[in-house]
């Protein structure tokens, strides 16, 4: 999808990330969507593509960071906010640090793999070369419900 030129706040950006997450679910992947915002404008939006691509690193955040860097013509994204439906894992939190992301906003916490406050807190670790503020729980109940629904259908006994 083409990025939007319309100004978005955290809630509007999360709504777009939820749309992306639904696309992932429709492709049989874990419903995670990510949006990158620079100056209030969406510069990238992606969803998990691990199943479609066969690439374990094709998480929504990594793909969105790549697209944002390409669109902006730079890898340092210190003026960007990354909005994602699920708390980033270690790999994605590491990518946020490497990209010098300015801010993270996420919806649902991930008690099993979350690296931005649940299991680890990479974006607030002073031993790393970059720290970024994190806003947790934006539309979190909706994001969590979408994930729960996805995994409930995966656990149905009559599923092939």
Protein backbone atom coordinates (compact mmCIF):
# COMPACT_ATOMS: atom_id res chain seq x y z
CA UNK A 1 0.00 0.00 0.00
CA UNK A 2 1.09 3.54 -0.65
CA UNK A 3 1.98 5.63 2.38
CA UNK A 4 -0.46 8.37 3.28
CA UNK A 5 0.25 12.10 3.00
CA UNK A 6 -2.40 12.80 5.65
CA UNK A 7 -1.31 13.83 9.17
CA UNK A 8 -1.77 11.00 11.71
CA UNK A 9 -1.57 10.80 15.48
CA UNK A 10 -0.72 7.63 17.43
CA UNK A 11 -4.28 6.29 17.37
CA UNK A 12 -4.73 6.89 13.63
CA UNK A 13 -1.36 5.30 12.92
CA UNK A 14 -2.34 2.30 15.05
CA UNK A 15 -5.58 1.98 13.07
CA UNK A 16 -3.44 1.71 9.92
CA UNK A 17 -1.19 -0.84 11.61
CA UNK A 18 -4.29 -2.88 12.49
CA UNK A 19 -5.30 -2.85 8.81
CA UNK A 20 -1.83 -4.16 7.97
CA UNK A 21 -2.09 -6.84 10.66
CA UNK A 22 -5.36 -8.06 9.14
CA UNK A 23 -3.55 -8.43 5.80
CA UNK A 24 -0.98 -10.65 7.50
CA UNK A 25 -3.73 -12.82 8.99
CA UNK A 26 -5.39 -13.13 5.58
CA UNK A 27 -2.07 -14.50 4.29
CA UNK A 28 -1.88 -17.01 7.17
CA UNK A 29 0.73 -15.09 9.11
CA UNK A 30 0.66 -13.81 12.67
CA UNK A 31 -1.37 -10.57 12.52
CA UNK A 32 1.23 -7.92 13.20
CA UNK A 33 1.26 -4.61 11.38
CA UNK A 34 3.70 -1.71 11.57
CA UNK A 35 3.62 1.90 10.42
CA UNK A 36 6.47 4.41 10.35
CA UNK A 37 5.54 8.06 10.81
CA UNK A 38 7.84 11.02 10.11
CA UNK A 39 6.61 14.52 10.88
CA UNK A 40 3.10 13.20 11.39
CA UNK A 41 3.02 11.62 7.93
CA UNK A 42 3.06 7.88 7.23
CA UNK A 43 6.19 7.00 5.25
CA UNK A 44 5.89 3.19 5.43
CA UNK A 45 3.38 0.52 6.41
CA UNK A 46 3.89 -3.23 6.35
CA UNK A 47 2.75 -6.48 7.91
CA UNK A 48 4.33 -9.82 8.77
CA UNK A 49 5.34 -11.69 5.61
CA UNK A 50 7.20 -14.68 7.02
CA UNK A 51 4.81 -17.27 5.60
CA UNK A 52 4.55 -15.63 2.18
CA UNK A 53 8.28 -14.97 1.81
CA UNK A 54 9.69 -17.95 3.70
CA UNK A 55 11.95 -15.47 5.50
CA UNK A 56 12.12 -15.66 9.30
CA UNK A 57 13.21 -12.00 9.44
CA UNK A 58 10.18 -10.70 7.51
CA UNK A 59 8.57 -9.17 10.58
CA UNK A 60 6.37 -6.12 10.07
CA UNK A 61 8.75 -3.80 11.92
CA UNK A 62 11.84 -4.81 9.95
CA UNK A 63 10.03 -4.49 6.63
CA UNK A 64 8.57 -1.10 7.58
CA UNK A 65 11.98 0.18 8.71
CA UNK A 66 13.49 -0.89 5.38
CA UNK A 67 10.75 0.84 3.42
CA UNK A 68 10.99 4.02 5.51
CA UNK A 69 14.77 4.18 5.07
CA UNK A 70 14.39 3.70 1.32
CA UNK A 71 11.69 6.34 1.05
CA UNK A 72 13.55 8.87 3.21
CA UNK A 73 16.94 8.08 1.67
CA UNK A 74 18.67 7.44 5.00
CA UNK A 75 19.03 4.69 7.57
CA UNK A 76 18.91 6.94 10.64
CA UNK A 77 15.26 7.30 11.55
CA UNK A 78 15.68 9.41 14.67
CA UNK A 79 12.77 11.68 13.69
CA UNK A 80 10.43 8.73 13.11
CA UNK A 81 7.84 7.01 15.27
CA UNK A 82 7.33 3.30 14.69
CA UNK A 83 3.79 2.14 15.50
CA UNK A 84 3.24 -1.62 15.78
CA UNK A 85 0.32 -3.75 16.91
CA UNK A 86 2.47 -6.08 19.05
CA UNK A 87 5.40 -5.37 21.34
CA UNK A 88 8.55 -5.97 19.28
CA UNK A 89 10.66 -9.09 19.76
CA UNK A 90 14.41 -8.97 20.38
CA UNK A 91 15.22 -8.91 16.66
CA UNK A 92 12.79 -6.07 15.94
CA UNK A 93 13.78 -4.08 19.02
CA UNK A 94 17.40 -4.48 17.91
CA UNK A 95 16.44 -3.18 14.46
CA UNK A 96 14.78 -0.17 16.10
CA UNK A 97 18.00 0.52 18.02
CA UNK A 98 20.12 0.06 14.88
CA UNK A 99 17.85 2.43 12.91
CA UNK A 100 17.99 4.97 15.75
CA UNK A 101 14.17 5.08 15.75
CA UNK A 102 12.97 8.19 17.54
CA UNK A 103 10.02 6.61 19.30
CA UNK A 104 8.05 3.36 19.55
CA UNK A 105 4.30 2.98 20.01
CA UNK A 106 2.83 -0.49 20.41
CA UNK A 107 -0.56 -2.01 21.10
CA UNK A 108 -0.49 -5.45 22.74
CA UNK A 109 2.23 -6.57 25.11
CA UNK A 110 4.01 -9.83 24.40
CA UNK A 111 4.78 -11.63 27.67
CA UNK A 112 6.47 -14.51 25.80
CA UNK A 113 8.80 -12.59 23.49
CA UNK A 114 8.45 -8.85 24.13
CA UNK A 115 11.71 -6.91 24.19
CA UNK A 116 10.34 -3.44 24.97
CA UNK A 117 9.24 -3.91 28.55
CA UNK A 118 7.89 -7.45 28.98
CA UNK A 119 10.92 -9.79 28.95
CA UNK A 120 13.60 -7.29 28.02
CA UNK A 121 13.70 -3.55 27.62
CA UNK A 122 16.17 -2.94 24.79
CA UNK A 123 14.97 0.55 23.98
CA UNK A 124 15.72 1.67 27.53
CA UNK A 125 19.01 -0.14 28.03
CA UNK A 126 21.76 2.43 28.68
CA UNK A 127 24.42 -0.12 27.67
CA UNK A 128 23.28 0.16 24.04
CA UNK A 129 24.14 3.01 21.69
CA UNK A 130 20.55 4.29 21.42
CA UNK A 131 17.51 4.64 23.64
CA UNK A 132 14.01 5.67 22.60
CA UNK A 133 10.78 6.49 24.42
CA UNK A 134 8.06 3.85 24.30
CA UNK A 135 4.28 4.30 24.50
CA UNK A 136 2.57 1.03 25.43
CA UNK A 137 -1.02 -0.11 25.09
CA UNK A 138 -2.29 2.16 22.30
CA UNK A 139 -5.49 0.39 21.18
CA UNK A 140 -3.97 -2.53 23.06
CA UNK A 141 -7.19 -4.41 23.74
CA UNK A 142 -8.08 -4.46 20.04
CA UNK A 143 -4.59 -5.57 19.07
CA UNK A 144 -4.56 -8.31 21.71
CA UNK A 145 -8.03 -9.53 20.69
CA UNK A 146 -6.95 -9.79 17.05
CA UNK A 147 -3.97 -11.94 18.05
CA UNK A 148 -6.07 -14.10 20.39
CA UNK A 149 -8.65 -14.68 17.66
CA UNK A 150 -5.94 -15.65 15.17
CA UNK A 151 -4.34 -18.17 17.50
CA UNK A 152 -7.72 -19.57 18.63
CA UNK A 153 -8.49 -20.53 15.03
CA UNK A 154 -5.06 -22.18 14.78
CA UNK A 155 -5.84 -24.37 17.79
CA UNK A 156 -9.22 -25.64 16.58
CA UNK A 157 -9.22 -29.47 16.60
CA UNK A 158 -10.73 -29.84 13.11
CA UNK A 159 -8.12 -27.56 11.50
CA UNK A 160 -6.04 -29.43 8.89
